[in-house]
PDB file of N, CA and C in Angstrom:
ATOM      1  N   MET A   1      13.517  32.012 155.643  1.00  0.00           N
ATOM      2  CA  MET A   1      13.737  33.438 155.544  1.00  0.00           C
ATOM      3  C   MET A   1      15.095  33.725 156.177  1.00  0.00           C
ATOM      4  N   ASN A   2      15.937  34.408 155.428  1.00  0.00           N
ATOM      5  CA  ASN A   2      17.241  34.723 156.007  1.00  0.00           C
ATOM      6  C   ASN A   2      17.144  35.942 156.926  1.00  0.00           C
ATOM      7  N   LEU A   3      18.211  36.228 157.624  1.00  0.00           N
ATOM      8  CA  LEU A   3      18.221  37.298 158.620  1.00  0.00           C
ATOM      9  C   LEU A   3      17.919  38.650 157.996  1.00  0.00           C
ATOM     10  N   CYS A   4      18.505  38.928 156.841  1.00  0.00           N
ATOM     11  CA  CYS A   4      18.263  40.234 156.194  1.00  0.00           C
ATOM     12  C   CYS A   4      16.789  40.400 155.840  1.00  0.00           C
ATOM     13  N   THR A   5      16.186  39.339 155.320  1.00  0.00           N
ATOM     14  CA  THR A   5      14.768  39.399 154.976  1.00  0.00           C
ATOM     15  C   THR A   5      13.921  39.585 156.223  1.00  0.00           C
ATOM     16  N   ALA A   6      14.250  38.881 157.278  1.00  0.00           N
ATOM     17  CA  ALA A   6      13.508  39.000 158.533  1.00  0.00           C
ATOM     18  C   ALA A   6      13.629  40.412 159.095  1.00  0.00           C
ATOM     19  N   GLU A   7      14.822  40.975 159.044  1.00  0.00           N
ATOM     20  CA  GLU A   7      15.018  42.338 159.545  1.00  0.00           C
ATOM     21  C   GLU A   7      14.239  43.348 158.708  1.00  0.00           C
ATOM     22  N   ARG A   8      14.277  43.174 157.403  1.00  0.00           N
ATOM     23  CA  ARG A   8      13.552  44.094 156.504  1.00  0.00           C
ATOM     24  C   ARG A   8      12.045  43.995 156.746  1.00  0.00           C
ATOM     25  N   THR A   9      11.562  42.780 156.887  1.00  0.00           N
ATOM     26  CA  THR A   9      10.134  42.581 157.148  1.00  0.00           C
ATOM     27  C   THR A   9       9.734  43.229 158.463  1.00  0.00           C
ATOM     28  N   ARG A  10      10.535  43.033 159.486  1.00  0.00           N
ATOM     29  CA  ARG A  10      10.252  43.635 160.790  1.00  0.00           C
ATOM     30  C   ARG A  10      10.229  45.161 160.674  1.00  0.00           C
ATOM     31  N   TYR A  11      11.199  45.711 159.950  1.00  0.00           N
ATOM     32  CA  TYR A  11      11.265  47.163 159.755  1.00  0.00           C
ATOM     33  C   TYR A  11       9.996  47.667 159.072  1.00  0.00           C
ATOM     34  N   LEU A  12       9.575  46.981 158.012  1.00  0.00           N
ATOM     35  CA  LEU A  12       8.404  47.435 157.259  1.00  0.00           C
ATOM     36  C   LEU A  12       7.115  47.294 158.053  1.00  0.00           C
ATOM     37  N   LYS A  13       7.046  46.318 158.912  1.00  0.00           N
ATOM     38  CA  LYS A  13       5.830  46.076 159.680  1.00  0.00           C
ATOM     39  C   LYS A  13       5.766  46.845 160.991  1.00  0.00           C
ATOM     40  N   GLU A  14       6.921  47.048 161.618  1.00  0.00           N
ATOM     41  CA  GLU A  14       6.910  47.500 163.009  1.00  0.00           C
ATOM     42  C   GLU A  14       7.372  48.930 163.228  1.00  0.00           C
ATOM     43  N   THR A  15       7.735  49.643 162.167  1.00  0.00           N
ATOM     44  CA  THR A  15       8.142  51.037 162.357  1.00  0.00           C
ATOM     45  C   THR A  15       7.231  51.943 161.539  1.00  0.00           C
ATOM     46  N   ASP A  16       7.052  53.156 162.010  1.00  0.00           N
ATOM     47  CA  ASP A  16       6.232  54.117 161.282  1.00  0.00           C
ATOM     48  C   ASP A  16       6.829  54.391 159.908  1.00  0.00           C
ATOM     49  N   GLU A  17       8.138  54.544 159.858  1.00  0.00           N
ATOM     50  CA  GLU A  17       8.802  54.813 158.581  1.00  0.00           C
ATOM     51  C   GLU A  17       8.624  53.632 157.620  1.00  0.00           C
ATOM     52  N   GLY A  18       8.716  52.428 158.126  1.00  0.00           N
ATOM     53  CA  GLY A  18       8.530  51.235 157.298  1.00  0.00           C
ATOM     54  C   GLY A  18       7.117  51.152 156.757  1.00  0.00           C
ATOM     55  N   ARG A  19       6.137  51.419 157.613  1.00  0.00           N
ATOM     56  CA  ARG A  19       4.740  51.398 157.158  1.00  0.00           C
ATOM     57  C   ARG A  19       4.489  52.496 156.132  1.00  0.00           C
ATOM     58  N   ASP A  20       5.068  53.669 156.341  1.00  0.00           N
ATOM     59  CA  ASP A  20       4.929  54.752 155.361  1.00  0.00           C
ATOM     60  C   ASP A  20       5.520  54.348 154.017  1.00  0.00           C
ATOM     61  N   THR A  21       6.671  53.682 154.069  1.00  0.00           N
ATOM     62  CA  THR A  21       7.312  53.198 152.849  1.00  0.00           C
ATOM     63  C   THR A  21       6.394  52.227 152.117  1.00  0.00           C
ATOM     64  N   MET A  22       5.833  51.285 152.845  1.00  0.00           N
ATOM     65  CA  MET A  22       4.938  50.303 152.223  1.00  0.00           C
ATOM     66  C   MET A  22       3.685  50.971 151.656  1.00  0.00           C
ATOM     67  N   CYS A  23       3.139  51.931 152.359  1.00  0.00           N
ATOM     68  CA  CYS A  23       1.967  52.649 151.846  1.00  0.00           C
ATOM     69  C   CYS A  23       2.296  53.369 150.548  1.00  0.00           C
ATOM     70  N   THR A  24       3.447  53.988 150.487  1.00  0.00           N
ATOM     71  CA  THR A  24       3.871  54.688 149.280  1.00  0.00           C
ATOM     72  C   THR A  24       4.028  53.714 148.121  1.00  0.00           C
ATOM     73  N   ILE A  25       4.656  52.586 148.378  1.00  0.00           N
ATOM     74  CA  ILE A  25       4.846  51.572 147.336  1.00  0.00           C
ATOM     75  C   ILE A  25       3.506  51.039 146.851  1.00  0.00           C
ATOM     76  N   MET A  26       2.607  50.742 147.765  1.00  0.00           N
ATOM     77  CA  MET A  26       1.294  50.209 147.388  1.00  0.00           C
ATOM     78  C   MET A  26       0.470  51.243 146.627  1.00  0.00           C
ATOM     79  N   ASP A  27       0.500  52.497 147.051  1.00  0.00           N
ATOM     80  CA  ASP A  27      -0.221  53.545 146.334  1.00  0.00           C
ATOM     81  C   ASP A  27       0.271  53.662 144.901  1.00  0.00           C
ATOM     82  N   LYS A  28       1.577  53.644 144.734  1.00  0.00           N
ATOM     83  CA  LYS A  28       2.161  53.739 143.393  1.00  0.00           C
ATOM     84  C   LYS A  28       1.734  52.547 142.534  1.00  0.00           C
ATOM     85  N   ALA A  29       1.789  51.358 143.091  1.00  0.00           N
ATOM     86  CA  ALA A  29       1.411  50.149 142.350  1.00  0.00           C
ATOM     87  C   ALA A  29      -0.063  50.193 141.940  1.00  0.00           C
ATOM     88  N   LEU A  30      -0.916  50.632 142.847  1.00  0.00           N
ATOM     89  CA  LEU A  30      -2.344  50.714 142.535  1.00  0.00           C
ATOM     90  C   LEU A  30      -2.623  51.737 141.435  1.00  0.00           C
ATOM     91  N   LYS A  31      -1.948  52.871 141.490  1.00  0.00           N
ATOM     92  CA  LYS A  31      -2.138  53.893 140.460  1.00  0.00           C
ATOM     93  C   LYS A  31      -1.661  53.401 139.100  1.00  0.00           C
ATOM     94  N   GLU A  32      -0.531  52.704 139.084  1.00  0.00           N
ATOM     95  CA  GLU A  32      -0.011  52.168 137.828  1.00  0.00           C
ATOM     96  C   GLU A  32      -0.964  51.130 137.250  1.00  0.00           C
ATOM     97  N   THR A  33      -1.510  50.279 138.099  1.00  0.00           N
ATOM     98  CA  THR A  33      -2.451  49.256 137.650  1.00  0.00           C
ATOM     99  C   THR A  33      -3.725  49.896 137.113  1.00  0.00           C
ATOM    100  N   ALA A  34      -4.237  50.893 137.804  1.00  0.00           N
ATOM    101  CA  ALA A  34      -5.449  51.582 137.354  1.00  0.00           C
ATOM    102  C   ALA A  34      -5.211  52.241 136.000  1.00  0.00           C
ATOM    103  N   LYS A  35      -4.043  52.826 135.803  1.00  0.00           N
ATOM    104  CA  LYS A  35      -3.713  53.472 134.534  1.00  0.00           C
ATOM    105  C   LYS A  35      -3.664  52.426 133.419  1.00  0.00           C
ATOM    106  N   GLU A  36      -3.049  51.277 133.683  1.00  0.00           N
ATOM    107  CA  GLU A  36      -2.979  50.210 132.687  1.00  0.00           C
ATOM    108  C   GLU A  36      -4.369  49.721 132.304  1.00  0.00           C
ATOM    109  N   VAL A  37      -5.251  49.583 133.276  1.00  0.00           N
ATOM    110  CA  VAL A  37      -6.622  49.152 133.013  1.00  0.00           C
ATOM    111  C   VAL A  37      -7.333  50.194 132.150  1.00  0.00           C
ATOM    112  N   SER A  38      -7.179  51.469 132.480  1.00  0.00           N
ATOM    113  CA  SER A  38      -7.804  52.538 131.697  1.00  0.00           C
ATOM    114  C   SER A  38      -7.300  52.529 130.259  1.00  0.00           C
ATOM    115  N   ILE A  39      -6.017  52.315 130.080  1.00  0.00           N
ATOM    116  CA  ILE A  39      -5.446  52.264 128.732  1.00  0.00           C
ATOM    117  C   ILE A  39      -6.016  51.087 127.945  1.00  0.00           C
ATOM    118  N   ASN A  40      -6.104  49.929 128.583  1.00  0.00           N
ATOM    119  CA  ASN A  40      -6.660  48.755 127.900  1.00  0.00           C
ATOM    120  C   ASN A  40      -8.123  48.959 127.525  1.00  0.00           C
ATOM    121  N   ILE A  41      -8.891  49.571 128.403  1.00  0.00           N
ATOM    122  CA  ILE A  41     -10.298  49.863 128.091  1.00  0.00           C
ATOM    123  C   ILE A  41     -10.375  50.834 126.927  1.00  0.00           C
ATOM    124  N   ALA A  42      -9.558  51.879 126.954  1.00  0.00           N
ATOM    125  CA  ALA A  42      -9.555  52.857 125.866  1.00  0.00           C
ATOM    126  C   ALA A  42      -9.197  52.195 124.544  1.00  0.00           C
ATOM    127  N   LYS A  43      -8.200  51.337 124.550  1.00  0.00           N
ATOM    128  CA  LYS A  43      -7.810  50.632 123.321  1.00  0.00           C
ATOM    129  C   LYS A  43      -8.968  49.806 122.775  1.00  0.00           C
ATOM    130  N   ASN A  44      -9.683  49.124 123.666  1.00  0.00           N
ATOM    131  CA  ASN A  44     -10.832  48.329 123.233  1.00  0.00           C
ATOM    132  C   ASN A  44     -11.936  49.216 122.659  1.00  0.00           C
ATOM    133  N   LEU A  45     -12.204  50.334 123.319  1.00  0.00           N
ATOM    134  CA  LEU A  45     -13.238  51.243 122.817  1.00  0.00           C
ATOM    135  C   LEU A  45     -12.843  51.834 121.472  1.00  0.00           C
ATOM    136  N   ILE A  46     -11.591  52.174 121.303  1.00  0.00           N
ATOM    137  CA  ILE A  46     -11.097  52.697 120.024  1.00  0.00           C
ATOM    138  C   ILE A  46     -11.270  51.631 118.947  1.00  0.00           C
ATOM    139  N   ARG A  47     -10.871  50.412 119.259  1.00  0.00           N
ATOM    140  CA  ARG A  47     -10.988  49.311 118.299  1.00  0.00           C
ATOM    141  C   ARG A  47     -12.440  49.082 117.895  1.00  0.00           C
ATOM    142  N   MET A  48     -13.355  49.191 118.858  1.00  0.00           N
ATOM    143  CA  MET A  48     -14.774  48.981 118.575  1.00  0.00           C
ATOM    144  C   MET A  48     -15.346  50.109 117.722  1.00  0.00           C
ATOM    145  N   GLY A  49     -14.790  51.305 117.870  1.00  0.00           N
ATOM    146  CA  GLY A  49     -15.166  52.427 117.019  1.00  0.00           C
ATOM    147  C   GLY A  49     -16.522  53.047 117.245  1.00  0.00           C
ATOM    148  N   ASN A  50     -17.146  52.814 118.383  1.00  0.00           N
ATOM    149  CA  ASN A  50     -18.489  53.349 118.630  1.00  0.00           C
ATOM    150  C   ASN A  50     -18.504  54.671 119.382  1.00  0.00           C
ATOM    151  N   ASP A  51     -17.359  55.095 119.911  1.00  0.00           N
ATOM    152  CA  ASP A  51     -17.308  56.283 120.750  1.00  0.00           C
ATOM    153  C   ASP A  51     -16.332  57.300 120.187  1.00  0.00           C
ATOM    154  N   THR A  52     -16.574  58.570 120.513  1.00  0.00           N
ATOM    155  CA  THR A  52     -15.628  59.618 120.128  1.00  0.00           C
ATOM    156  C   THR A  52     -14.444  59.592 121.093  1.00  0.00           C
ATOM    157  N   HIS A  53     -13.383  60.241 120.696  1.00  0.00           N
ATOM    158  CA  HIS A  53     -12.215  60.332 121.582  1.00  0.00           C
ATOM    159  C   HIS A  53     -12.585  61.033 122.882  1.00  0.00           C
ATOM    160  N   GLU A  54     -13.428  62.028 122.787  1.00  0.00           N
ATOM    161  CA  GLU A  54     -13.858  62.757 123.986  1.00  0.00           C
ATOM    162  C   GLU A  54     -14.628  61.838 124.936  1.00  0.00           C
ATOM    163  N   GLN A  55     -15.496  61.005 124.383  1.00  0.00           N
ATOM    164  CA  GLN A  55     -16.265  60.078 125.215  1.00  0.00           C
ATOM    165  C   GLN A  55     -15.356  59.042 125.875  1.00  0.00           C
ATOM    166  N   ILE A  56     -14.397  58.566 125.120  1.00  0.00           N
ATOM    167  CA  ILE A  56     -13.454  57.587 125.664  1.00  0.00           C
ATOM    168  C   ILE A  56     -12.633  58.213 126.789  1.00  0.00           C
ATOM    169  N   ALA A  57     -12.177  59.442 126.591  1.00  0.00           N
ATOM    170  CA  ALA A  57     -11.412  60.141 127.630  1.00  0.00           C
ATOM    171  C   ALA A  57     -12.258  60.297 128.890  1.00  0.00           C
ATOM    172  N   GLU A  58     -13.492  60.689 128.723  1.00  0.00           N
ATOM    173  CA  GLU A  58     -14.369  60.875 129.878  1.00  0.00           C
ATOM    174  C   GLU A  58     -14.638  59.545 130.590  1.00  0.00           C
ATOM    175  N   ALA A  59     -14.853  58.488 129.815  1.00  0.00           N
ATOM    176  CA  ALA A  59     -15.183  57.188 130.397  1.00  0.00           C
ATOM    177  C   ALA A  59     -13.995  56.555 131.128  1.00  0.00           C
ATOM    178  N   THR A  60     -12.786  56.799 130.643  1.00  0.00           N
ATOM    179  CA  THR A  60     -11.618  56.130 131.205  1.00  0.00           C
ATOM    180  C   THR A  60     -10.818  56.981 132.183  1.00  0.00           C
ATOM    181  N   GLY A  61     -11.027  58.293 132.153  1.00  0.00           N
ATOM    182  CA  GLY A  61     -10.236  59.175 132.997  1.00  0.00           C
ATOM    183  C   GLY A  61      -8.903  59.556 132.380  1.00  0.00           C
ATOM    184  N   LEU A  62      -8.656  59.087 131.165  1.00  0.00           N
ATOM    185  CA  LEU A  62      -7.446  59.487 130.446  1.00  0.00           C
ATOM    186  C   LEU A  62      -7.655  60.871 129.863  1.00  0.00           C
ATOM    187  N   THR A  63      -6.567  61.540 129.531  1.00  0.00           N
ATOM    188  CA  THR A  63      -6.704  62.832 128.878  1.00  0.00           C
ATOM    189  C   THR A  63      -7.058  62.614 127.408  1.00  0.00           C
ATOM    190  N   LEU A  64      -7.603  63.637 126.800  1.00  0.00           N
ATOM    191  CA  LEU A  64      -7.934  63.558 125.380  1.00  0.00           C
ATOM    192  C   LEU A  64      -6.674  63.297 124.561  1.00  0.00           C
ATOM    193  N   GLU A  65      -5.576  63.908 124.960  1.00  0.00           N
ATOM    194  CA  GLU A  65      -4.304  63.703 124.257  1.00  0.00           C
ATOM    195  C   GLU A  65      -3.856  62.247 124.345  1.00  0.00           C
ATOM    196  N   GLU A  66      -4.017  61.644 125.507  1.00  0.00           N
ATOM    197  CA  GLU A  66      -3.643  60.231 125.668  1.00  0.00           C
ATOM    198  C   GLU A  66      -4.489  59.338 124.772  1.00  0.00           C
ATOM    199  N   VAL A  67      -5.780  59.625 124.703  1.00  0.00           N
ATOM    200  CA  VAL A  67      -6.681  58.825 123.862  1.00  0.00           C
ATOM    201  C   VAL A  67      -6.308  58.991 122.393  1.00  0.00           C
ATOM    202  N   LYS A  68      -6.041  60.221 121.972  1.00  0.00           N
ATOM    203  CA  LYS A  68      -5.661  60.446 120.579  1.00  0.00           C
ATOM    204  C   LYS A  68      -4.359  59.717 120.238  1.00  0.00           C
ATOM    205  N   LYS A  69      -3.431  59.718 121.170  1.00  0.00           N
ATOM    206  CA  LYS A  69      -2.159  59.014 120.950  1.00  0.00           C
ATOM    207  C   LYS A  69      -2.425  57.508 120.796  1.00  0.00           C
ATOM    208  N   LEU A  70      -3.264  56.950 121.661  1.00  0.00           N
ATOM    209  CA  LEU A  70      -3.610  55.531 121.564  1.00  0.00           C
ATOM    210  C   LEU A  70      -4.309  55.218 120.240  1.00  0.00           C
ATOM    211  N   ALA A  71      -5.175  56.128 119.810  1.00  0.00           N
ATOM    212  CA  ALA A  71      -5.878  55.935 118.542  1.00  0.00           C
ATOM    213  C   ALA A  71      -4.890  55.958 117.377  1.00  0.00           C
ATOM    214  N   GLY A  72      -3.919  56.842 117.459  1.00  0.00           N
ATOM    215  CA  GLY A  72      -2.884  56.894 116.417  1.00  0.00           C
ATOM    216  C   GLY A  72      -2.067  55.624 116.372  1.00  0.00           C
ATOM    217  N   GLN A  73      -1.763  55.065 117.529  1.00  0.00           N
ATOM    218  CA  GLN A  73      -1.003  53.824 117.597  1.00  0.00           C
ATOM    219  C   GLN A  73      -1.818  52.653 117.042  1.00  0.00           C
ATOM    220  N   ALA A  74      -3.118  52.681 117.304  1.00  0.00           N
ATOM    221  CA  ALA A  74      -3.988  51.608 116.829  1.00  0.00           C
ATOM    222  C   ALA A  74      -4.131  51.647 115.311  1.00  0.00           C
ATOM    223  N   ALA A  75      -4.055  52.846 114.751  1.00  0.00           N
ATOM    224  CA  ALA A  75      -4.209  53.006 113.303  1.00  0.00           C
ATOM    225  C   ALA A  75      -2.968  52.570 112.538  1.00  0.00           C
ATOM    226  N   SER A  76      -1.798  52.580 113.207  1.00  0.00           N
ATOM    227  CA  SER A  76      -0.560  52.215 112.500  1.00  0.00           C
ATOM    228  C   SER A  76      -0.287  50.749 112.535  1.00  0.00           C
TER     229      SER A  76
END
C-alpha cells in the first residue's frame, strides 16, 4: 500500500467526515444494486407473462411507468 492509499484509508476509517463519506457511497451502491435486482425480476416476470404490469410494479417496487417501459423494450 503506498502512502497516498494509506492516508486515504486512515481518513476514511478514522474521521467522522471519512466515515460519512463511506456511508454515503455504500448507501448509493446498495440502492443501485437493489434497483438492478428489481429491474431484472420485472424483466423475468414480463417475459413469463403471468402478471399484469400493475402486479409487477407492486411486487418489485418499480413504478408502473418503469414496468411499462421495460415491457416495451422486451417487445422490441
